[in-house]
Amino acid sequence: MLAALTVRDIVLIETATLEFVPGLNVLTGETGAGKSILLDALGLASGGRGSGRATVRPGASQGSAAAVFDPPPKHPARALLAEQGIVAEGEIVFRRTLSADGRSRAFLNDEPVGVQLLKDVGALLLEVNGQADDRGLFDVATHRGLLDAFGGHEDLCAALAARFADFASARATLDGIKAEQIKAAEDADYIKAAVEELAALDALPGEEAALAGERALLMNAARIAEDISAAGEMLAGERGAENLLSGALRKISHLGDEAREAAAPALAALEAAFASAEEARRELESFLVRLDADPSELERKEERLFAIRAAARKFSVAPDALAEVLAAFRARLDLIDLGGEKIAAAEAALKSAEADMRAAGKKLSVARAAVASKLEAAVAAELKPLKLGHARFRVALAALEVPSAQGLERVAFEIATVSGAPFGPLTKIASGGELARFSLAIKVALAEERPPAALVFDEVDRGVGGAVADAVGERLQRLAESAQVLLVTHSPQVAARAAKHFRITRVKDKTTVVRLSDEERVEEVARMLSGASVTDEARAAAKKLIEEAQRPKKVARKKA
């Protein structure tokens, strides 16, 4: 719901704040008072293009328009804001500033954003129905979603989207295999040579590091052997650790029973030390044997180490990754040998996925065709009371050359306003007044199936009066039961049905907005009935008109 609109220093408006309610909100006033300025400001705040009229008030350096929305907790607009990292709890505040030099800035909940995001979020919350607006009903891209919502096609749409995703995945898999096979065939000689080279080398993970360590030992074998021999002598020599520990053990063993028992912990420690010294001596002797290797062993290890490092440089990988490189080349070699079988399998999978996708698309197409007729009938039933009985409305379903995740056809709402004339797009066929009433008829037909965003109508009753104006008002009032409606009108029959009524006035070069009390509403509707001179008869007629319009009525709703 649109909760409020605040405008500062835009054209003739110094400052104005409008607080709206659910249902029908009406703006009235003399021609030229500034009603269109308010709608321009609302469009500007919500990301619309605005118009040349939305300029900074003379004498001010900057103008601004802020719109406050309070949508339900799970409204799609909140999800879109969350995706952008913008706090989306509570009210959603749109704000647009406009400098005197034409520069503008956009904000959502006081976070600076791009105008496109402002427009995307605004399109989910507000629909301005006017010939200059490029969103809502007048954007053919929305027609498919409106038709599917009217028909309750959520499950069919979801099934098609899933099958299309499978189809796209299968197509990507096939394209990938074909591309890989072409590349592999072009590099066949290189791949075969690489497999032979790497297979012959058969480098293992960790082997390069082990060889480097062994090479370092062998290169310094003589010096290391001297140190190891000296260490061994310290353990096993005449004055070595083993002899000293052995002597200490003998001394303790000669003690008496009581002394030996008291020295038991020391005895255990000496025995452990003697065993460790003996084990260390044996390890040193084994190490010396390793160092006393064949002199050619160093050469062999160096050759192996250098071969592994050369291969790693050649294939631009770490030495430990050579085994993975071999596996990858073998897979590419298999692709050359078995590519035909893989392509055939992928083509079969793609064909099956396409069949499933088209079957799901066909089900949705059949459902769309059926519900299109129902929507056409529902709109047709609304046209005659709106003085559009000569006009025709249709839902055009044109097959697409290439299916999409949204279906096998393009959906477009089209009209013909003259008997025998061809159908065409809404905005190119209808005049301003007809377009507004067509929009109203379509919205009324759609409203019960899918309550839309807050709706704005700019003089939907333009050029009509009497019974037609009353029919317009009755439909707006009915539409306002399921969606908030904001309306600019010159019709007393429409204004009488408002849940909230604002009057826009202009004195010289200043526009003001006032919310009307019940008594003031009677006076304003009387003015609309009689003109500048308001008579008692006009006031009585206005009061009766408001009472009749606000009296609860059981409206027979037309179901599609």
Protein backbone atom coordinates (compact mmCIF):
# COMPACT_ATOMS: atom_id res chain seq x y z
CA MET A 1 0.00 0.00 0.00
CA LEU A 2 1.12 3.57 -0.72
CA ALA A 3 1.10 5.16 2.73
CA ALA A 4 2.27 8.70 2.00
CA LEU A 5 3.72 11.08 -0.55
CA THR A 6 5.81 14.12 0.36
CA VAL A 7 6.76 16.70 -2.27
CA ARG A 8 9.09 19.63 -1.69
CA ASP A 9 10.01 22.37 -4.14
CA ILE A 10 8.72 20.68 -7.28
CA VAL A 11 7.29 23.09 -9.91
CA LEU A 12 4.65 25.11 -7.98
CA ILE A 13 4.57 22.96 -4.85
CA GLU A 14 6.62 24.34 -1.97
CA THR A 15 5.71 21.50 0.37
CA ALA A 16 2.88 18.97 0.42
CA THR A 17 2.29 15.74 2.30
CA LEU A 18 -0.50 13.34 1.42
CA GLU A 19 -1.34 10.36 3.64
CA PHE A 20 -3.35 7.70 1.87
CA VAL A 21 -5.68 4.93 3.04
CA PRO A 22 -6.64 1.55 1.61
CA GLY A 23 -9.38 1.80 -0.98
CA LEU A 24 -10.16 4.74 -3.26
CA ASN A 25 -8.13 7.94 -2.77
CA VAL A 26 -9.30 10.86 -4.91
CA LEU A 27 -7.60 14.11 -5.94
CA THR A 28 -9.76 16.90 -7.34
CA GLY A 29 -9.29 20.55 -8.19
CA GLU A 30 -9.56 23.14 -10.92
CA THR A 31 -7.82 22.51 -14.21
CA GLY A 32 -4.21 23.68 -13.92
CA ALA A 33 -4.17 23.52 -10.12
CA GLY A 34 -1.32 21.04 -10.08
CA LYS A 35 -2.85 17.55 -9.85
CA SER A 36 -0.57 16.27 -12.59
CA ILE A 37 2.43 17.68 -10.72
CA LEU A 38 1.64 15.36 -7.81
CA LEU A 39 1.42 12.35 -10.11
CA ASP A 40 4.67 13.35 -11.82
CA ALA A 41 6.31 13.61 -8.40
CA LEU A 42 5.00 10.18 -7.40
CA GLY A 43 6.30 8.70 -10.65
CA LEU A 44 9.64 10.43 -10.13
CA ALA A 45 9.96 9.08 -6.58
CA SER A 46 9.17 5.50 -7.62
CA GLY A 47 11.70 5.37 -10.45
CA GLY A 48 9.54 6.47 -13.36
CA ARG A 49 10.76 8.68 -16.14
CA GLY A 50 8.80 11.64 -14.84
CA SER A 51 8.26 14.37 -17.40
CA GLY A 52 9.56 17.75 -18.34
CA ARG A 53 7.05 19.22 -15.90
CA ALA A 54 8.87 17.70 -12.91
CA THR A 55 11.35 20.50 -12.35
CA VAL A 56 12.69 22.34 -9.35
CA ARG A 57 10.49 25.20 -8.07
CA PRO A 58 11.80 28.60 -9.13
CA GLY A 59 14.01 30.04 -6.42
CA ALA A 60 14.84 26.63 -4.87
CA SER A 61 18.18 24.86 -5.34
CA GLN A 62 16.77 21.37 -5.02
CA GLY A 63 13.44 19.58 -5.15
CA SER A 64 12.51 16.18 -3.77
CA ALA A 65 9.73 13.61 -3.82
CA ALA A 66 9.40 10.79 -1.28
CA ALA A 67 6.89 7.94 -1.39
CA VAL A 68 6.32 5.65 1.59
CA PHE A 69 4.99 2.12 1.00
CA ASP A 70 3.91 -0.44 3.56
CA PRO A 71 3.63 -3.77 1.71
CA PRO A 72 2.86 -7.16 3.34
CA PRO A 73 5.79 -9.03 4.97
CA LYS A 74 6.25 -11.47 2.08
CA HIS A 75 5.81 -8.96 -0.75
CA PRO A 76 8.26 -9.53 -3.67
CA ALA A 77 9.58 -5.99 -3.24
CA ARG A 78 11.05 -6.95 0.13
CA ALA A 79 12.82 -9.96 -1.38
CA LEU A 80 14.28 -7.78 -4.14
CA LEU A 81 15.58 -5.27 -1.59
CA ALA A 82 17.08 -8.07 0.53
CA GLU A 83 18.95 -9.36 -2.54
CA GLN A 84 20.53 -5.90 -2.83
CA GLY A 85 21.55 -5.85 0.83
CA ILE A 86 19.00 -3.19 1.79
CA VAL A 87 17.09 -3.54 5.05
CA ALA A 88 13.54 -4.38 4.01
CA GLU A 89 11.62 -4.57 7.28
CA GLY A 90 8.80 -2.16 7.99
CA GLU A 91 8.06 0.67 5.57
CA ILE A 92 9.87 1.06 2.27
CA VAL A 93 10.78 4.69 1.57
CA PHE A 94 11.51 5.86 -1.97
CA ARG A 95 13.18 9.24 -2.35
CA ARG A 96 14.36 11.15 -5.38
CA THR A 97 16.11 14.50 -5.32
CA LEU A 98 16.36 16.82 -8.29
CA SER A 99 18.87 19.68 -8.52
CA ALA A 100 18.22 22.88 -10.36
CA ASP A 101 20.85 21.89 -12.92
CA GLY A 102 18.92 18.70 -13.76
CA ARG A 103 20.97 16.18 -11.77
CA SER A 104 19.04 13.66 -9.70
CA ARG A 105 19.80 11.12 -6.97
CA ALA A 106 17.80 8.08 -5.86
CA PHE A 107 17.45 6.51 -2.41
CA LEU A 108 15.71 3.46 -0.95
CA ASN A 109 15.36 3.43 2.83
CA ASP A 110 18.00 6.18 2.87
CA GLU A 111 20.46 3.97 0.95
CA PRO A 112 21.74 5.58 -2.28
CA VAL A 113 20.76 3.38 -5.24
CA GLY A 114 20.63 3.49 -9.00
CA VAL A 115 17.47 4.72 -10.68
CA GLN A 116 16.98 1.31 -12.32
CA LEU A 117 16.69 -0.42 -8.94
CA LEU A 118 14.28 2.29 -7.81
CA LYS A 119 12.22 1.58 -10.92
CA ASP A 120 12.36 -2.21 -10.48
CA VAL A 121 11.17 -2.05 -6.88
CA GLY A 122 8.64 0.65 -7.71
CA ALA A 123 7.14 -1.50 -10.47
CA LEU A 124 6.31 -4.14 -7.85
CA LEU A 125 4.50 -1.65 -5.63
CA LEU A 126 2.93 0.94 -7.91
CA GLU A 127 1.26 0.93 -11.30
CA VAL A 128 0.60 4.26 -12.97
CA ASN A 129 -2.04 3.95 -15.68
CA GLY A 130 -1.45 6.78 -18.06
CA GLN A 131 -0.52 7.04 -21.72
CA ALA A 132 2.95 8.39 -20.95
CA ASP A 133 3.75 5.63 -18.46
CA ASP A 134 5.97 2.78 -19.63
CA ARG A 135 5.10 0.29 -16.92
CA GLY A 136 2.14 -1.85 -15.87
CA LEU A 137 -0.48 -2.69 -18.47
CA PHE A 138 1.25 -0.63 -21.14
CA ASP A 139 4.40 -2.73 -20.96
CA VAL A 140 3.72 -5.82 -23.07
CA ALA A 141 6.31 -7.72 -21.03
CA THR A 142 3.82 -7.79 -18.12
CA HIS A 143 0.94 -9.30 -20.10
CA ARG A 144 2.09 -12.91 -19.83
CA GLY A 145 2.33 -12.70 -16.04
CA LEU A 146 -1.09 -11.04 -15.80
CA LEU A 147 -2.72 -13.72 -17.95
CA ASP A 148 -1.07 -16.55 -15.98
CA ALA A 149 -2.12 -15.01 -12.67
CA PHE A 150 -5.68 -14.66 -13.99
CA GLY A 151 -5.68 -18.33 -14.97
CA GLY A 152 -3.92 -19.61 -11.85
CA HIS A 153 -1.10 -21.12 -13.89
CA GLU A 154 1.56 -21.07 -11.15
CA ASP A 155 2.10 -24.86 -11.16
CA LEU A 156 2.20 -25.07 -14.97
CA CYS A 157 4.67 -22.16 -15.14
CA ALA A 158 6.89 -23.75 -12.51
CA ALA A 159 6.83 -27.12 -14.33
CA LEU A 160 7.80 -25.47 -17.62
CA ALA A 161 10.60 -23.48 -15.97
CA ALA A 162 12.03 -26.68 -14.47
CA ARG A 163 11.83 -28.58 -17.78
CA PHE A 164 13.39 -25.65 -19.62
CA ALA A 165 16.27 -25.59 -17.13
CA ASP A 166 16.83 -29.31 -17.80
CA PHE A 167 16.73 -28.65 -21.54
CA ALA A 168 19.22 -25.76 -21.26
CA SER A 169 21.53 -27.91 -19.15
CA ALA A 170 21.40 -30.80 -21.65
CA ARG A 171 22.09 -28.39 -24.51
CA ALA A 172 25.07 -26.91 -22.67
CA THR A 173 26.40 -30.42 -21.97
CA LEU A 174 26.18 -31.39 -25.65
CA ASP A 175 27.80 -28.14 -26.78
CA GLY A 176 30.57 -28.66 -24.26
CA ILE A 177 31.30 -32.22 -25.42
CA LYS A 178 31.33 -31.14 -29.06
CA ALA A 179 33.66 -28.25 -28.33
CA GLU A 180 35.97 -30.48 -26.31
CA GLN A 181 36.05 -33.13 -29.04
CA ILE A 182 36.87 -30.56 -31.72
CA LYS A 183 39.65 -29.14 -29.57
CA ALA A 184 40.92 -32.62 -28.69
CA ALA A 185 40.91 -33.70 -32.35
CA GLU A 186 42.92 -30.60 -33.29
CA ASP A 187 45.47 -31.44 -30.57
CA ALA A 188 45.41 -35.22 -31.04
CA ASP A 189 49.14 -35.62 -31.77
CA TYR A 190 50.10 -33.39 -28.87
CA ILE A 191 47.75 -35.21 -26.48
CA LYS A 192 49.03 -38.66 -27.48
CA ALA A 193 52.64 -37.52 -27.07
CA ALA A 194 51.84 -35.99 -23.67
CA VAL A 195 50.20 -39.21 -22.48
CA GLU A 196 53.20 -41.27 -23.60
CA GLU A 197 55.67 -38.88 -21.99
CA LEU A 198 53.85 -38.61 -18.66
CA ALA A 199 53.02 -42.29 -18.50
CA ALA A 200 56.69 -43.17 -19.04
CA LEU A 201 57.73 -40.71 -16.35
CA ASP A 202 55.00 -41.96 -13.95
CA ALA A 203 55.72 -39.24 -11.38
CA LEU A 204 54.04 -39.79 -8.04
CA PRO A 205 52.77 -37.13 -5.64
CA GLY A 206 55.49 -36.32 -3.08
CA GLU A 207 58.22 -37.97 -5.14
CA GLU A 208 59.94 -34.72 -6.12
CA ALA A 209 60.31 -33.62 -2.48
CA ALA A 210 61.66 -37.04 -1.47
CA LEU A 211 64.21 -37.04 -4.29
CA ALA A 212 65.35 -33.53 -3.39
CA GLY A 213 65.98 -34.64 0.19
CA GLU A 214 67.88 -37.76 -0.83
CA ARG A 215 69.98 -35.80 -3.31
CA ALA A 216 70.96 -33.30 -0.62
CA LEU A 217 72.13 -36.19 1.60
CA LEU A 218 74.15 -37.87 -1.11
CA MET A 219 75.85 -34.63 -2.17
CA ASN A 220 77.11 -34.14 1.39
CA ALA A 221 77.66 -37.82 2.22
CA ALA A 222 81.38 -37.55 3.16
CA ARG A 223 80.94 -34.67 5.61
CA ILE A 224 77.79 -36.18 7.07
CA ALA A 225 79.47 -39.57 7.46
CA GLU A 226 82.26 -37.99 9.50
CA ASP A 227 79.79 -36.38 11.86
CA ILE A 228 77.72 -39.55 12.15
CA SER A 229 80.84 -41.61 12.87
CA ALA A 230 81.90 -39.16 15.58
CA ALA A 231 78.44 -39.35 17.10
CA GLY A 232 78.58 -43.13 17.04
CA GLU A 233 81.97 -43.09 18.78
CA MET A 234 80.48 -40.97 21.53
CA LEU A 235 77.92 -43.70 22.08
CA ALA A 236 79.99 -46.86 21.60
CA GLY A 237 83.59 -45.81 22.30
CA GLU A 238 85.65 -46.71 25.37
CA ARG A 239 84.40 -43.55 27.09
CA GLY A 240 81.09 -43.58 25.19
CA ALA A 241 77.64 -43.28 26.64
CA GLU A 242 76.87 -46.99 26.42
CA ASN A 243 79.95 -47.97 28.50
CA LEU A 244 79.28 -45.25 31.04
CA LEU A 245 75.63 -46.25 31.39
CA SER A 246 76.63 -49.91 31.63
CA GLY A 247 79.08 -49.08 34.43
CA ALA A 248 76.39 -47.14 36.31
CA LEU A 249 74.04 -50.12 36.04
CA ARG A 250 76.70 -52.43 37.42
CA LYS A 251 77.33 -50.15 40.39
CA ILE A 252 73.64 -50.13 41.34
CA SER A 253 73.31 -53.88 40.86
CA HIS A 254 76.03 -54.40 43.54
CA LEU A 255 74.03 -52.49 46.17
CA GLY A 256 72.25 -54.28 48.97
CA ASP A 257 68.60 -55.21 48.71
CA GLU A 258 67.30 -52.21 50.65
CA ALA A 259 69.49 -49.71 48.77
CA ARG A 260 68.69 -51.30 45.40
CA GLU A 261 64.97 -51.10 46.17
CA ALA A 262 65.29 -47.45 47.11
CA ALA A 263 67.24 -46.76 43.89
CA ALA A 264 64.71 -48.63 41.74
CA PRO A 265 63.45 -45.48 39.93
CA ALA A 266 67.01 -44.48 39.07
CA LEU A 267 67.74 -48.02 37.92
CA ALA A 268 64.73 -48.00 35.60
CA ALA A 269 65.77 -44.65 34.15
CA LEU A 270 69.33 -45.92 33.54
CA GLU A 271 68.04 -49.04 31.82
CA ALA A 272 65.81 -46.90 29.57
CA ALA A 273 68.72 -44.58 28.80
CA PHE A 274 70.99 -47.53 27.97
CA ALA A 275 68.33 -49.00 25.64
CA SER A 276 67.87 -45.61 23.94
CA ALA A 277 71.61 -45.14 23.51
CA GLU A 278 71.89 -48.62 22.03
CA GLU A 279 68.98 -47.91 19.63
CA ALA A 280 70.54 -44.61 18.63
CA ARG A 281 73.85 -46.30 17.87
CA ARG A 282 72.16 -48.86 15.63
CA GLU A 283 70.27 -46.10 13.75
CA LEU A 284 73.53 -44.21 13.21
CA GLU A 285 75.21 -47.33 11.88
CA SER A 286 72.28 -47.88 9.48
CA PHE A 287 72.50 -44.28 8.34
CA LEU A 288 76.22 -44.77 7.62
CA VAL A 289 75.41 -47.77 5.45
CA ARG A 290 72.97 -45.59 3.45
CA LEU A 291 75.63 -42.95 2.99
CA ASP A 292 78.09 -45.57 1.79
CA ALA A 293 75.97 -46.11 -1.34
CA ASP A 294 76.97 -46.66 -4.95
CA PRO A 295 78.43 -43.38 -6.25
CA SER A 296 76.20 -43.67 -9.30
CA GLU A 297 73.09 -43.50 -7.07
CA LEU A 298 73.45 -39.73 -6.79
CA GLU A 299 73.49 -39.43 -10.56
CA ARG A 300 70.38 -41.58 -10.95
CA LYS A 301 68.42 -39.62 -8.36
CA GLU A 302 69.47 -36.33 -9.90
CA GLU A 303 68.35 -37.48 -13.35
CA ARG A 304 64.96 -38.53 -11.97
CA LEU A 305 64.55 -35.30 -10.01
CA PHE A 306 65.47 -33.11 -12.96
CA ALA A 307 63.15 -35.06 -15.28
CA ILE A 308 60.18 -34.52 -12.94
CA ARG A 309 60.95 -30.81 -12.56
CA ALA A 310 61.35 -30.39 -16.34
CA ALA A 311 57.96 -32.03 -16.96
CA ALA A 312 56.36 -29.79 -14.36
CA ARG A 313 57.76 -26.69 -16.11
CA LYS A 314 56.67 -27.97 -19.50
CA PHE A 315 53.06 -28.45 -18.43
CA SER A 316 53.05 -25.40 -16.12
CA VAL A 317 52.03 -27.27 -12.98
CA ALA A 318 53.56 -28.18 -9.64
CA PRO A 319 55.52 -31.48 -9.67
CA ASP A 320 52.95 -33.14 -7.42
CA ALA A 321 50.20 -32.37 -10.00
CA LEU A 322 51.77 -34.33 -12.86
CA ALA A 323 49.66 -37.40 -12.10
CA GLU A 324 46.49 -35.26 -12.40
CA VAL A 325 47.74 -33.83 -15.70
CA LEU A 326 48.25 -37.36 -17.01
CA ALA A 327 44.70 -38.30 -16.01
CA ALA A 328 43.31 -35.21 -17.77
CA PHE A 329 45.20 -35.97 -21.00
CA ARG A 330 44.00 -39.56 -20.88
CA ALA A 331 40.40 -38.29 -20.54
CA ARG A 332 40.89 -36.09 -23.62
CA LEU A 333 42.37 -39.02 -25.47
CA ASP A 334 39.32 -41.10 -24.52
CA LEU A 335 37.14 -38.30 -25.86
CA ILE A 336 38.81 -38.63 -29.24
CA ASP A 337 38.35 -42.38 -29.26
CA LEU A 338 34.86 -42.44 -27.68
CA GLY A 339 33.61 -38.95 -28.64
CA GLY A 340 31.02 -40.27 -31.05
CA GLU A 341 29.40 -42.37 -28.36
CA LYS A 342 29.40 -39.49 -25.87
CA ILE A 343 27.91 -37.09 -28.40
CA ALA A 344 25.23 -39.60 -29.33
CA ALA A 345 24.31 -40.06 -25.67
CA ALA A 346 24.25 -36.29 -25.09
CA GLU A 347 22.10 -35.75 -28.20
CA ALA A 348 19.64 -38.39 -26.99
CA ALA A 349 19.49 -36.68 -23.57
CA LEU A 350 18.91 -33.29 -25.25
CA LYS A 351 16.15 -34.69 -27.45
CA SER A 352 14.42 -36.19 -24.42
CA ALA A 353 14.77 -32.96 -22.44
CA GLU A 354 13.40 -30.93 -25.35
CA ALA A 355 10.41 -33.26 -25.67
CA ASP A 356 9.67 -32.89 -21.95
CA MET A 357 10.06 -29.11 -22.19
CA ARG A 358 7.74 -28.84 -25.18
CA ALA A 359 5.18 -31.10 -23.53
CA ALA A 360 5.16 -28.86 -20.46
CA GLY A 361 4.99 -25.80 -22.72
CA LYS A 362 2.07 -27.29 -24.66
CA LYS A 363 0.09 -27.84 -21.46
CA LEU A 364 0.65 -24.21 -20.52
CA SER A 365 -0.23 -23.05 -24.05
CA VAL A 366 -3.54 -24.92 -23.96
CA ALA A 367 -4.34 -23.43 -20.56
CA ARG A 368 -3.42 -19.95 -21.76
CA ALA A 369 -5.61 -20.23 -24.83
CA ALA A 370 -8.57 -21.29 -22.68
CA VAL A 371 -8.14 -18.56 -20.08
CA ALA A 372 -7.46 -15.93 -22.78
CA SER A 373 -11.02 -16.40 -24.01
CA LYS A 374 -12.33 -16.01 -20.46
CA LEU A 375 -10.35 -12.81 -19.93
CA GLU A 376 -11.58 -11.42 -23.27
CA ALA A 377 -15.16 -12.10 -22.20
CA ALA A 378 -14.60 -10.56 -18.76
CA VAL A 379 -13.13 -7.38 -20.26
CA ALA A 380 -15.85 -7.20 -22.93
CA ALA A 381 -18.48 -7.23 -20.20
CA GLU A 382 -16.89 -4.13 -18.66
CA LEU A 383 -16.53 -2.11 -21.88
CA LYS A 384 -20.12 -1.19 -22.76
CA PRO A 385 -20.93 0.60 -19.47
CA LEU A 386 -17.70 2.57 -19.95
CA LYS A 387 -18.87 3.91 -23.34
CA LEU A 388 -16.55 1.50 -25.13
CA GLY A 389 -19.16 -0.91 -26.44
CA HIS A 390 -17.87 -0.45 -29.99
CA ALA A 391 -14.36 -1.50 -28.98
CA ARG A 392 -12.91 -4.99 -28.90
CA PHE A 393 -10.23 -6.53 -26.72
CA ARG A 394 -8.22 -9.67 -27.37
CA VAL A 395 -5.32 -11.61 -25.94
CA ALA A 396 -2.92 -12.30 -28.80
CA LEU A 397 -0.91 -15.51 -28.47
CA ALA A 398 1.90 -15.62 -31.06
CA ALA A 399 4.12 -18.70 -31.31
CA LEU A 400 7.77 -18.05 -30.62
CA GLU A 401 10.41 -19.31 -33.01
CA VAL A 402 12.58 -20.23 -30.05
CA PRO A 403 10.84 -21.46 -26.86
CA SER A 404 11.69 -19.76 -23.59
CA ALA A 405 11.40 -20.61 -19.92
CA GLN A 406 8.18 -18.54 -19.95
CA GLY A 407 6.46 -20.53 -22.68
CA LEU A 408 6.04 -21.29 -26.36
CA GLU A 409 4.22 -18.07 -27.21
CA ARG A 410 4.31 -14.31 -26.80
CA VAL A 411 1.34 -12.84 -24.92
CA ALA A 412 0.07 -9.37 -25.77
CA PHE A 413 -3.12 -7.49 -24.91
CA GLU A 414 -4.51 -5.74 -28.02
CA ILE A 415 -7.50 -3.54 -28.77
CA ALA A 416 -9.48 -2.24 -31.70
CA THR A 417 -11.51 0.89 -30.98
CA VAL A 418 -13.26 1.21 -34.35
CA SER A 419 -15.53 -1.43 -35.83
CA GLY A 420 -13.68 -3.35 -38.51
CA ALA A 421 -10.31 -1.84 -37.64
CA PRO A 422 -7.33 -4.13 -37.01
CA PHE A 423 -6.14 -4.91 -33.51
CA GLY A 424 -3.05 -3.18 -32.20
CA PRO A 425 -1.11 -2.36 -29.00
CA LEU A 426 -3.00 -0.55 -26.24
CA THR A 427 -0.98 2.65 -26.35
CA LYS A 428 -0.98 3.01 -30.16
CA ILE A 429 -4.66 2.45 -30.84
CA ALA A 430 -6.60 4.17 -28.07
CA SER A 431 -6.88 7.88 -27.34
CA GLY A 432 -6.01 9.16 -23.87
CA GLY A 433 -9.54 8.88 -22.44
CA GLU A 434 -10.25 5.54 -24.12
CA LEU A 435 -6.91 4.20 -22.96
CA ALA A 436 -7.66 5.05 -19.35
CA ARG A 437 -11.08 3.37 -19.51
CA PHE A 438 -9.64 0.32 -21.27
CA SER A 439 -7.09 0.08 -18.51
CA LEU A 440 -9.82 0.27 -15.92
CA ALA A 441 -11.86 -2.46 -17.63
CA ILE A 442 -8.86 -4.78 -17.79
CA LYS A 443 -7.89 -4.07 -14.19
CA VAL A 444 -11.40 -4.77 -12.96
CA ALA A 445 -11.43 -8.07 -14.84
CA LEU A 446 -8.06 -9.05 -13.38
CA ALA A 447 -8.39 -7.70 -9.85
CA GLU A 448 -10.22 -10.59 -8.16
CA GLU A 449 -7.72 -13.14 -9.41
CA ARG A 450 -4.59 -11.18 -8.55
CA PRO A 451 -4.79 -8.08 -6.39
CA PRO A 452 -2.35 -5.73 -8.12
CA ALA A 453 0.03 -3.13 -6.76
CA ALA A 454 -1.29 0.28 -5.77
CA LEU A 455 -2.98 1.67 -8.88
CA VAL A 456 -2.85 5.25 -10.08
CA PHE A 457 -5.31 6.53 -12.69
CA ASP A 458 -4.97 9.98 -14.25
CA GLU A 459 -8.43 11.26 -15.27
CA VAL A 460 -9.82 7.86 -16.23
CA ASP A 461 -13.21 9.61 -16.56
CA ARG A 462 -11.92 12.19 -19.05
CA GLY A 463 -14.54 13.17 -21.63
CA VAL A 464 -17.46 11.26 -20.08
CA GLY A 465 -20.30 12.18 -17.80
CA GLY A 466 -23.65 11.05 -16.52
CA ALA A 467 -24.23 7.29 -16.54
CA VAL A 468 -20.77 6.56 -18.00
CA ALA A 469 -19.04 8.55 -15.26
CA ASP A 470 -21.13 6.70 -12.71
CA ALA A 471 -20.10 3.38 -14.29
CA VAL A 472 -16.46 4.45 -14.11
CA GLY A 473 -16.85 5.36 -10.45
CA GLU A 474 -18.64 2.09 -9.62
CA ARG A 475 -15.79 0.08 -11.18
CA LEU A 476 -13.12 2.10 -9.47
CA GLN A 477 -14.87 1.57 -6.17
CA ARG A 478 -15.10 -2.15 -6.85
CA LEU A 479 -11.45 -2.28 -7.87
CA ALA A 480 -10.51 -0.46 -4.67
CA GLU A 481 -11.92 -3.34 -2.62
CA SER A 482 -8.96 -5.51 -3.63
CA ALA A 483 -6.33 -2.88 -4.44
CA GLN A 484 -5.49 0.60 -3.29
CA VAL A 485 -6.46 3.16 -5.95
CA LEU A 486 -5.21 6.74 -6.34
CA LEU A 487 -7.23 8.79 -8.80
CA VAL A 488 -7.21 12.26 -10.35
CA THR A 489 -10.74 13.12 -11.45
CA HIS A 490 -13.03 15.92 -12.59
CA SER A 491 -16.15 13.78 -12.23
CA PRO A 492 -18.41 14.33 -9.19
CA GLN A 493 -19.85 10.83 -9.65
CA VAL A 494 -16.36 9.39 -9.18
CA ALA A 495 -15.23 11.77 -6.44
CA ALA A 496 -18.32 10.90 -4.38
CA ARG A 497 -17.08 7.34 -4.01
CA ALA A 498 -13.73 8.25 -2.39
CA ALA A 499 -12.56 6.75 0.88
CA LYS A 500 -10.25 9.75 1.18
CA HIS A 501 -10.56 13.01 -0.73
CA PHE A 502 -7.84 15.63 -1.39
CA ARG A 503 -8.37 19.01 -3.05
CA ILE A 504 -5.57 20.69 -4.97
CA THR A 505 -5.76 24.47 -5.32
CA ARG A 506 -3.52 27.06 -6.92
CA VAL A 507 -3.20 30.67 -5.88
CA LYS A 508 -0.95 32.63 -8.24
CA ASP A 509 2.24 30.56 -8.43
CA LYS A 510 1.70 28.31 -5.40
CA THR A 511 -0.09 24.95 -5.25
CA THR A 512 -1.48 23.53 -1.99
CA VAL A 513 -3.05 20.20 -1.08
CA VAL A 514 -5.76 19.80 1.57
CA ARG A 515 -7.44 16.68 2.90
CA LEU A 516 -11.18 17.35 2.96
CA SER A 517 -13.48 16.76 5.91
CA ASP A 518 -16.96 15.34 5.31
CA GLU A 519 -18.46 18.85 5.13
CA GLU A 520 -15.70 20.05 2.82
CA ARG A 521 -16.26 17.03 0.57
CA VAL A 522 -19.87 18.05 0.09
CA GLU A 523 -18.75 21.55 -0.87
CA GLU A 524 -16.13 20.22 -3.32
CA VAL A 525 -18.52 17.78 -5.01
CA ALA A 526 -21.09 20.58 -5.22
CA ARG A 527 -18.50 22.76 -6.95
CA MET A 528 -17.82 19.95 -9.39
CA LEU A 529 -21.56 19.67 -10.08
CA SER A 530 -22.37 23.35 -10.51
CA GLY A 531 -19.14 25.15 -11.29
CA ALA A 532 -17.76 28.28 -9.66
CA SER A 533 -21.10 29.34 -8.12
CA VAL A 534 -22.14 26.73 -5.56
CA THR A 535 -25.86 26.77 -4.81
CA ASP A 536 -27.87 25.13 -2.05
CA GLU A 537 -29.39 22.86 -4.67
CA ALA A 538 -25.89 21.77 -5.72
CA ARG A 539 -24.96 21.08 -2.08
CA ALA A 540 -28.07 18.98 -1.60
CA ALA A 541 -27.36 17.05 -4.79
CA ALA A 542 -23.73 16.56 -3.72
CA LYS A 543 -24.73 15.26 -0.29
CA LYS A 544 -27.19 12.83 -1.83
CA LEU A 545 -24.63 11.70 -4.40
CA ILE A 546 -22.04 10.99 -1.67
CA GLU A 547 -24.57 9.14 0.49
CA GLU A 548 -25.65 6.99 -2.45
CA ALA A 549 -22.05 6.29 -3.48
CA GLN A 550 -20.96 5.31 0.04
CA ARG A 551 -23.97 3.10 0.75
CA PRO A 552 -22.90 -0.57 0.89
CA LYS A 553 -24.00 -2.44 -2.21
CA LYS A 554 -23.92 -6.06 -3.19
CA VAL A 555 -22.15 -5.94 -6.51
CA ALA A 556 -22.57 -8.90 -8.81
CA ARG A 557 -18.99 -9.74 -9.67
CA LYS A 558 -18.15 -11.16 -13.04
CA LYS A 559 -16.01 -14.24 -12.74
CA ALA A 560 -13.79 -15.31 -15.59
